[in-house]
Amino acid sequence: EGREELKAFQRQGIYPDPASLQALFVSPMERCRET
């Protein structure tokens, strides 16, 4: 359910375009790396 929710929000364009990012910082926890 969590993965599908992220995909749905991504399709709505609410997250930044990956091409626009100069850096991506991530917690080491699996759930953050997967997101």
ModelCIF file with pLDDT and N, C-alpha, C, O atoms, coordinates in Angstrom:
data_MODEL
#
_entry.id   MODEL 
#
_entity.id                         1 
_entity.type                       polymer 
_entity.pdbx_number_of_molecules   1 
#
_entity_poly.entity_id                      1 
_entity_poly.type                           'polypeptide(L)' 
_entity_poly.nstd_linkage                   no 
_entity_poly.nstd_monomer                   no 
_entity_poly.pdbx_seq_one_letter_code       EGREELKAFQRQGIYPDPASLQALFVSPMERCRET 
_entity_poly.pdbx_seq_one_letter_code_can   EGREELKAFQRQGIYPDPASLQALFVSPMERCRET 
_entity_poly.pdbx_strand_id                 A 
#
loop_
_entity_poly_seq.entity_id 
_entity_poly_seq.num 
_entity_poly_seq.mon_id 
_entity_poly_seq.hetero 
1 1  GLU n 
1 2  GLY n 
1 3  ARG n 
1 4  GLU n 
1 5  GLU n 
1 6  LEU n 
1 7  LYS n 
1 8  ALA n 
1 9  PHE n 
1 10 GLN n 
1 11 ARG n 
1 12 GLN n 
1 13 GLY n 
1 14 ILE n 
1 15 TYR n 
1 16 PRO n 
1 17 ASP n 
1 18 PRO n 
1 19 ALA n 
1 20 SER n 
1 21 LEU n 
1 22 GLN n 
1 23 ALA n 
1 24 LEU n 
1 25 PHE n 
1 26 VAL n 
1 27 SER n 
1 28 PRO n 
1 29 MET n 
1 30 GLU n 
1 31 ARG n 
1 32 CYS n 
1 33 ARG n 
1 34 GLU n 
1 35 THR n 
#
_struct_asym.id          A 
_struct_asym.entity_id   1 
#
loop_
_ma_qa_metric.id 
_ma_qa_metric.mode 
_ma_qa_metric.name 
_ma_qa_metric.software_group_id 
_ma_qa_metric.type 
1 global pLDDT . pLDDT 
2 local  pLDDT . pLDDT 
#
_ma_qa_metric_global.metric_id      1 
_ma_qa_metric_global.metric_value   96.54 
_ma_qa_metric_global.model_id       1 
_ma_qa_metric_global.ordinal_id     1 
#
loop_
_ma_qa_metric_local.label_asym_id 
_ma_qa_metric_local.label_comp_id 
_ma_qa_metric_local.label_seq_id 
_ma_qa_metric_local.metric_id 
_ma_qa_metric_local.metric_value 
_ma_qa_metric_local.model_id 
_ma_qa_metric_local.ordinal_id 
A GLU 1  2 98.00 1 1  
A GLY 2  2 98.00 1 2  
A ARG 3  2 98.00 1 3  
A GLU 4  2 98.00 1 4  
A GLU 5  2 97.00 1 5  
A LEU 6  2 97.00 1 6  
A LYS 7  2 97.00 1 7  
A ALA 8  2 96.00 1 8  
A PHE 9  2 96.00 1 9  
A GLN 10 2 96.00 1 10 
A ARG 11 2 95.00 1 11 
A GLN 12 2 94.00 1 12 
A GLY 13 2 93.00 1 13 
A ILE 14 2 93.00 1 14 
A TYR 15 2 96.00 1 15 
A PRO 16 2 95.00 1 16 
A ASP 17 2 95.00 1 17 
A PRO 18 2 96.00 1 18 
A ALA 19 2 95.00 1 19 
A SER 20 2 94.00 1 20 
A LEU 21 2 96.00 1 21 
A GLN 22 2 94.00 1 22 
A ALA 23 2 96.00 1 23 
A LEU 24 2 98.00 1 24 
A PHE 25 2 98.00 1 25 
A VAL 26 2 98.00 1 26 
A SER 27 2 98.00 1 27 
A PRO 28 2 98.00 1 28 
A MET 29 2 98.00 1 29 
A GLU 30 2 98.00 1 30 
A ARG 31 2 98.00 1 31 
A CYS 32 2 98.00 1 32 
A ARG 33 2 98.00 1 33 
A GLU 34 2 98.00 1 34 
A THR 35 2 98.00 1 35 
#
loop_
_atom_site.group_PDB 
_atom_site.id 
_atom_site.type_symbol 
_atom_site.label_atom_id 
_atom_site.label_alt_id 
_atom_site.label_comp_id 
_atom_site.label_asym_id 
_atom_site.label_entity_id 
_atom_site.label_seq_id 
_atom_site.pdbx_PDB_ins_code 
_atom_site.Cartn_x 
_atom_site.Cartn_y 
_atom_site.Cartn_z 
_atom_site.occupancy 
_atom_site.B_iso_or_equiv 
_atom_site.pdbx_formal_charge 
_atom_site.auth_seq_id 
_atom_site.auth_comp_id 
_atom_site.auth_asym_id 
_atom_site.auth_atom_id 
_atom_site.pdbx_PDB_model_num 
ATOM 1   N N  . GLU A 1 1  ? 0.832  -1.208 0.000   1.00 98.00 ? 1  GLU A N  1 
ATOM 2   C CA . GLU A 1 1  ? 0.000  0.000  0.000   1.00 98.00 ? 1  GLU A CA 1 
ATOM 3   C C  . GLU A 1 1  ? 0.865  1.255  0.000   1.00 98.00 ? 1  GLU A C  1 
ATOM 4   O O  . GLU A 1 1  ? 0.564  2.226  -0.694  1.00 98.00 ? 1  GLU A O  1 
ATOM 5   N N  . GLY A 1 2  ? 1.944  1.229  0.786   1.00 98.00 ? 2  GLY A N  1 
ATOM 6   C CA . GLY A 1 2  ? 2.840  2.375  0.843   1.00 98.00 ? 2  GLY A CA 1 
ATOM 7   C C  . GLY A 1 2  ? 3.514  2.644  -0.493  1.00 98.00 ? 2  GLY A C  1 
ATOM 8   O O  . GLY A 1 2  ? 3.649  3.798  -0.900  1.00 98.00 ? 2  GLY A O  1 
ATOM 9   N N  . ARG A 1 3  ? 3.941  1.583  -1.179  1.00 98.00 ? 3  ARG A N  1 
ATOM 10  C CA . ARG A 1 3  ? 4.568  1.763  -2.486  1.00 98.00 ? 3  ARG A CA 1 
ATOM 11  C C  . ARG A 1 3  ? 3.576  2.328  -3.498  1.00 98.00 ? 3  ARG A C  1 
ATOM 12  O O  . ARG A 1 3  ? 3.912  3.225  -4.270  1.00 98.00 ? 3  ARG A O  1 
ATOM 13  N N  . GLU A 1 4  ? 2.362  1.803  -3.490  1.00 98.00 ? 4  GLU A N  1 
ATOM 14  C CA . GLU A 1 4  ? 1.355  2.277  -4.446  1.00 98.00 ? 4  GLU A CA 1 
ATOM 15  C C  . GLU A 1 4  ? 0.971  3.722  -4.172  1.00 98.00 ? 4  GLU A C  1 
ATOM 16  O O  . GLU A 1 4  ? 0.709  4.486  -5.101  1.00 98.00 ? 4  GLU A O  1 
ATOM 17  N N  . GLU A 1 5  ? 0.939  4.094  -2.912  1.00 97.00 ? 5  GLU A N  1 
ATOM 18  C CA . GLU A 1 5  ? 0.619  5.481  -2.557  1.00 97.00 ? 5  GLU A CA 1 
ATOM 19  C C  . GLU A 1 5  ? 1.696  6.427  -3.083  1.00 97.00 ? 5  GLU A C  1 
ATOM 20  O O  . GLU A 1 5  ? 1.378  7.481  -3.632  1.00 97.00 ? 5  GLU A O  1 
ATOM 21  N N  . LEU A 1 6  ? 2.964  6.057  -2.917  1.00 97.00 ? 6  LEU A N  1 
ATOM 22  C CA . LEU A 1 6  ? 4.049  6.875  -3.430  1.00 97.00 ? 6  LEU A CA 1 
ATOM 23  C C  . LEU A 1 6  ? 3.957  7.025  -4.948  1.00 97.00 ? 6  LEU A C  1 
ATOM 24  O O  . LEU A 1 6  ? 4.135  8.119  -5.483  1.00 97.00 ? 6  LEU A O  1 
ATOM 25  N N  . LYS A 1 7  ? 3.680  5.933  -5.626  1.00 97.00 ? 7  LYS A N  1 
ATOM 26  C CA . LYS A 1 7  ? 3.572  5.978  -7.089  1.00 97.00 ? 7  LYS A CA 1 
ATOM 27  C C  . LYS A 1 7  ? 2.425  6.889  -7.521  1.00 97.00 ? 7  LYS A C  1 
ATOM 28  O O  . LYS A 1 7  ? 2.545  7.635  -8.493  1.00 97.00 ? 7  LYS A O  1 
ATOM 29  N N  . ALA A 1 8  ? 1.316  6.822  -6.793  1.00 96.00 ? 8  ALA A N  1 
ATOM 30  C CA . ALA A 1 8  ? 0.165  7.669  -7.133  1.00 96.00 ? 8  ALA A CA 1 
ATOM 31  C C  . ALA A 1 8  ? 0.507  9.138  -6.953  1.00 96.00 ? 8  ALA A C  1 
ATOM 32  O O  . ALA A 1 8  ? 0.173  9.959  -7.807  1.00 96.00 ? 8  ALA A O  1 
ATOM 33  N N  . PHE A 1 9  ? 1.178  9.486  -5.840  1.00 96.00 ? 9  PHE A N  1 
ATOM 34  C CA . PHE A 1 9  ? 1.572  10.873 -5.616  1.00 96.00 ? 9  PHE A CA 1 
ATOM 35  C C  . PHE A 1 9  ? 2.602  11.321 -6.649  1.00 96.00 ? 9  PHE A C  1 
ATOM 36  O O  . PHE A 1 9  ? 2.592  12.471 -7.089  1.00 96.00 ? 9  PHE A O  1 
ATOM 37  N N  . GLN A 1 10 ? 3.479  10.416 -7.027  1.00 96.00 ? 10 GLN A N  1 
ATOM 38  C CA . GLN A 1 10 ? 4.481  10.754 -8.032  1.00 96.00 ? 10 GLN A CA 1 
ATOM 39  C C  . GLN A 1 10 ? 3.810  11.073 -9.376  1.00 96.00 ? 10 GLN A C  1 
ATOM 40  O O  . GLN A 1 10 ? 4.213  12.009 -10.067 1.00 96.00 ? 10 GLN A O  1 
ATOM 41  N N  . ARG A 1 11 ? 2.809  10.309 -9.733  1.00 95.00 ? 11 ARG A N  1 
ATOM 42  C CA . ARG A 1 11 ? 2.094  10.570 -10.981 1.00 95.00 ? 11 ARG A CA 1 
ATOM 43  C C  . ARG A 1 11 ? 1.402  11.926 -10.955 1.00 95.00 ? 11 ARG A C  1 
ATOM 44  O O  . ARG A 1 11 ? 1.216  12.554 -11.997 1.00 95.00 ? 11 ARG A O  1 
ATOM 45  N N  . GLN A 1 12 ? 1.023  12.375 -9.767  1.00 94.00 ? 12 GLN A N  1 
ATOM 46  C CA . GLN A 1 12 ? 0.390  13.683 -9.633  1.00 94.00 ? 12 GLN A CA 1 
ATOM 47  C C  . GLN A 1 12 ? 1.391  14.832 -9.727  1.00 94.00 ? 12 GLN A C  1 
ATOM 48  O O  . GLN A 1 12 ? 0.995  15.997 -9.775  1.00 94.00 ? 12 GLN A O  1 
ATOM 49  N N  . GLY A 1 13 ? 2.683  14.511 -9.755  1.00 93.00 ? 13 GLY A N  1 
ATOM 50  C CA . GLY A 1 13 ? 3.712  15.531 -9.903  1.00 93.00 ? 13 GLY A CA 1 
ATOM 51  C C  . GLY A 1 13 ? 3.983  16.340 -8.656  1.00 93.00 ? 13 GLY A C  1 
ATOM 52  O O  . GLY A 1 13 ? 4.423  17.485 -8.754  1.00 93.00 ? 13 GLY A O  1 
ATOM 53  N N  . ILE A 1 14 ? 3.733  15.777 -7.479  1.00 93.00 ? 14 ILE A N  1 
ATOM 54  C CA . ILE A 1 14 ? 3.909  16.552 -6.255  1.00 93.00 ? 14 ILE A CA 1 
ATOM 55  C C  . ILE A 1 14 ? 5.338  16.511 -5.724  1.00 93.00 ? 14 ILE A C  1 
ATOM 56  O O  . ILE A 1 14 ? 5.692  17.303 -4.850  1.00 93.00 ? 14 ILE A O  1 
ATOM 57  N N  . TYR A 1 15 ? 6.163  15.600 -6.236  1.00 96.00 ? 15 TYR A N  1 
ATOM 58  C CA . TYR A 1 15 ? 7.562  15.536 -5.834  1.00 96.00 ? 15 TYR A CA 1 
ATOM 59  C C  . TYR A 1 15 ? 8.430  16.215 -6.894  1.00 96.00 ? 15 TYR A C  1 
ATOM 60  O O  . TYR A 1 15 ? 8.010  16.334 -8.045  1.00 96.00 ? 15 TYR A O  1 
ATOM 61  N N  . PRO A 1 16 ? 9.621  16.657 -6.528  1.00 95.00 ? 16 PRO A N  1 
ATOM 62  C CA . PRO A 1 16 ? 10.480 17.306 -7.521  1.00 95.00 ? 16 PRO A CA 1 
ATOM 63  C C  . PRO A 1 16 ? 10.914 16.335 -8.616  1.00 95.00 ? 16 PRO A C  1 
ATOM 64  O O  . PRO A 1 16 ? 11.028 15.130 -8.392  1.00 95.00 ? 16 PRO A O  1 
ATOM 65  N N  . ASP A 1 17 ? 11.149 16.879 -9.783  1.00 95.00 ? 17 ASP A N  1 
ATOM 66  C CA . ASP A 1 17 ? 11.683 16.104 -10.899 1.00 95.00 ? 17 ASP A CA 1 
ATOM 67  C C  . ASP A 1 17 ? 13.098 15.657 -10.539 1.00 95.00 ? 17 ASP A C  1 
ATOM 68  O O  . ASP A 1 17 ? 13.918 16.493 -10.157 1.00 95.00 ? 17 ASP A O  1 
ATOM 69  N N  . PRO A 1 18 ? 13.408 14.367 -10.649 1.00 96.00 ? 18 PRO A N  1 
ATOM 70  C CA . PRO A 1 18 ? 14.775 13.925 -10.320 1.00 96.00 ? 18 PRO A CA 1 
ATOM 71  C C  . PRO A 1 18 ? 15.852 14.698 -11.059 1.00 96.00 ? 18 PRO A C  1 
ATOM 72  O O  . PRO A 1 18 ? 16.941 14.913 -10.525 1.00 96.00 ? 18 PRO A O  1 
ATOM 73  N N  . ALA A 1 19 ? 15.555 15.122 -12.297 1.00 95.00 ? 19 ALA A N  1 
ATOM 74  C CA . ALA A 1 19 ? 16.554 15.848 -13.088 1.00 95.00 ? 19 ALA A CA 1 
ATOM 75  C C  . ALA A 1 19 ? 16.857 17.222 -12.507 1.00 95.00 ? 19 ALA A C  1 
ATOM 76  O O  . ALA A 1 19 ? 17.871 17.830 -12.850 1.00 95.00 ? 19 ALA A O  1 
ATOM 77  N N  . SER A 1 20 ? 15.985 17.717 -11.627 1.00 94.00 ? 20 SER A N  1 
ATOM 78  C CA . SER A 1 20 ? 16.186 19.056 -11.057 1.00 94.00 ? 20 SER A CA 1 
ATOM 79  C C  . SER A 1 20 ? 17.068 19.034 -9.820  1.00 94.00 ? 20 SER A C  1 
ATOM 80  O O  . SER A 1 20 ? 17.458 20.092 -9.326  1.00 94.00 ? 20 SER A O  1 
ATOM 81  N N  . LEU A 1 21 ? 17.392 17.846 -9.306  1.00 96.00 ? 21 LEU A N  1 
ATOM 82  C CA . LEU A 1 21 ? 18.102 17.749 -8.036  1.00 96.00 ? 21 LEU A CA 1 
ATOM 83  C C  . LEU A 1 21 ? 19.611 17.791 -8.221  1.00 96.00 ? 21 LEU A C  1 
ATOM 84  O O  . LEU A 1 21 ? 20.164 17.143 -9.110  1.00 96.00 ? 21 LEU A O  1 
ATOM 85  N N  . GLN A 1 22 ? 20.261 18.563 -7.367  1.00 94.00 ? 22 GLN A N  1 
ATOM 86  C CA . GLN A 1 22 ? 21.718 18.545 -7.313  1.00 94.00 ? 22 GLN A CA 1 
ATOM 87  C C  . GLN A 1 22 ? 22.237 17.585 -6.245  1.00 94.00 ? 22 GLN A C  1 
ATOM 88  O O  . GLN A 1 22 ? 23.417 17.234 -6.246  1.00 94.00 ? 22 GLN A O  1 
ATOM 89  N N  . ALA A 1 23 ? 21.370 17.164 -5.345  1.00 96.00 ? 23 ALA A N  1 
ATOM 90  C CA . ALA A 1 23 ? 21.775 16.189 -4.330  1.00 96.00 ? 23 ALA A CA 1 
ATOM 91  C C  . ALA A 1 23 ? 20.535 15.513 -3.766  1.00 96.00 ? 23 ALA A C  1 
ATOM 92  O O  . ALA A 1 23 ? 19.453 16.097 -3.721  1.00 96.00 ? 23 ALA A O  1 
ATOM 93  N N  . LEU A 1 24 ? 20.715 14.273 -3.338  1.00 98.00 ? 24 LEU A N  1 
ATOM 94  C CA . LEU A 1 24 ? 19.654 13.491 -2.696  1.00 98.00 ? 24 LEU A CA 1 
ATOM 95  C C  . LEU A 1 24 ? 20.237 12.894 -1.429  1.00 98.00 ? 24 LEU A C  1 
ATOM 96  O O  . LEU A 1 24 ? 21.098 12.016 -1.484  1.00 98.00 ? 24 LEU A O  1 
ATOM 97  N N  . PHE A 1 25 ? 19.763 13.378 -0.280  1.00 98.00 ? 25 PHE A N  1 
ATOM 98  C CA . PHE A 1 25 ? 20.199 12.874 1.019   1.00 98.00 ? 25 PHE A CA 1 
ATOM 99  C C  . PHE A 1 25 ? 19.175 11.874 1.539   1.00 98.00 ? 25 PHE A C  1 
ATOM 100 O O  . PHE A 1 25 ? 17.970 12.078 1.395   1.00 98.00 ? 25 PHE A O  1 
ATOM 101 N N  . VAL A 1 26 ? 19.662 10.790 2.147   1.00 98.00 ? 26 VAL A N  1 
ATOM 102 C CA . VAL A 1 26 ? 18.770 9.701  2.533   1.00 98.00 ? 26 VAL A CA 1 
ATOM 103 C C  . VAL A 1 26 ? 19.211 9.132  3.877   1.00 98.00 ? 26 VAL A C  1 
ATOM 104 O O  . VAL A 1 26 ? 20.404 8.968  4.133   1.00 98.00 ? 26 VAL A O  1 
ATOM 105 N N  . SER A 1 27 ? 18.239 8.832  4.727   1.00 98.00 ? 27 SER A N  1 
ATOM 106 C CA . SER A 1 27 ? 18.508 8.061  5.936   1.00 98.00 ? 27 SER A CA 1 
ATOM 107 C C  . SER A 1 27 ? 18.974 6.663  5.534   1.00 98.00 ? 27 SER A C  1 
ATOM 108 O O  . SER A 1 27 ? 18.576 6.166  4.481   1.00 98.00 ? 27 SER A O  1 
ATOM 109 N N  . PRO A 1 28 ? 19.805 6.024  6.348   1.00 98.00 ? 28 PRO A N  1 
ATOM 110 C CA . PRO A 1 28 ? 20.270 4.673  6.003   1.00 98.00 ? 28 PRO A CA 1 
ATOM 111 C C  . PRO A 1 28 ? 19.216 3.588  6.167   1.00 98.00 ? 28 PRO A C  1 
ATOM 112 O O  . PRO A 1 28 ? 19.445 2.451  5.756   1.00 98.00 ? 28 PRO A O  1 
ATOM 113 N N  . MET A 1 29 ? 18.059 3.909  6.760   1.00 98.00 ? 29 MET A N  1 
ATOM 114 C CA . MET A 1 29 ? 17.058 2.886  7.013   1.00 98.00 ? 29 MET A CA 1 
ATOM 115 C C  . MET A 1 29 ? 16.413 2.412  5.704   1.00 98.00 ? 29 MET A C  1 
ATOM 116 O O  . MET A 1 29 ? 16.220 3.193  4.772   1.00 98.00 ? 29 MET A O  1 
ATOM 117 N N  . GLU A 1 30 ? 16.088 1.122  5.655   1.00 98.00 ? 30 GLU A N  1 
ATOM 118 C CA . GLU A 1 30 ? 15.577 0.506  4.435   1.00 98.00 ? 30 GLU A CA 1 
ATOM 119 C C  . GLU A 1 30 ? 14.368 1.233  3.865   1.00 98.00 ? 30 GLU A C  1 
ATOM 120 O O  . GLU A 1 30 ? 14.270 1.421  2.652   1.00 98.00 ? 30 GLU A O  1 
ATOM 121 N N  . ARG A 1 31 ? 13.438 1.644  4.739   1.00 98.00 ? 31 ARG A N  1 
ATOM 122 C CA . ARG A 1 31 ? 12.213 2.266  4.249   1.00 98.00 ? 31 ARG A CA 1 
ATOM 123 C C  . ARG A 1 31 ? 12.480 3.594  3.546   1.00 98.00 ? 31 ARG A C  1 
ATOM 124 O O  . ARG A 1 31 ? 11.735 3.981  2.646   1.00 98.00 ? 31 ARG A O  1 
ATOM 125 N N  . CYS A 1 32 ? 13.545 4.297  3.956   1.00 98.00 ? 32 CYS A N  1 
ATOM 126 C CA . CYS A 1 32 ? 13.908 5.549  3.287   1.00 98.00 ? 32 CYS A CA 1 
ATOM 127 C C  . CYS A 1 32 ? 14.658 5.278  1.989   1.00 98.00 ? 32 CYS A C  1 
ATOM 128 O O  . CYS A 1 32 ? 14.402 5.931  0.978   1.00 98.00 ? 32 CYS A O  1 
ATOM 129 N N  . ARG A 1 33 ? 15.567 4.333  2.010   1.00 98.00 ? 33 ARG A N  1 
ATOM 130 C CA . ARG A 1 33 ? 16.303 4.010  0.797   1.00 98.00 ? 33 ARG A CA 1 
ATOM 131 C C  . ARG A 1 33 ? 15.362 3.486  -0.287  1.00 98.00 ? 33 ARG A C  1 
ATOM 132 O O  . ARG A 1 33 ? 15.531 3.794  -1.467  1.00 98.00 ? 33 ARG A O  1 
ATOM 133 N N  . GLU A 1 34 ? 14.380 2.700  0.116   1.00 98.00 ? 34 GLU A N  1 
ATOM 134 C CA . GLU A 1 34 ? 13.407 2.173  -0.844  1.00 98.00 ? 34 GLU A CA 1 
ATOM 135 C C  . GLU A 1 34 ? 12.542 3.303  -1.419  1.00 98.00 ? 34 GLU A C  1 
ATOM 136 O O  . GLU A 1 34 ? 12.260 3.328  -2.617  1.00 98.00 ? 34 GLU A O  1 
ATOM 137 N N  . THR A 1 35 ? 12.132 4.222  -0.566  1.00 98.00 ? 35 THR A N  1 
ATOM 138 C CA . THR A 1 35 ? 11.346 5.366  -1.036  1.00 98.00 ? 35 THR A CA 1 
ATOM 139 C C  . THR A 1 35 ? 12.156 6.208  -2.019  1.00 98.00 ? 35 THR A C  1 
ATOM 140 O O  . THR A 1 35 ? 11.661 7.215  -2.523  1.00 98.00 ? 35 THR A O  1 
#
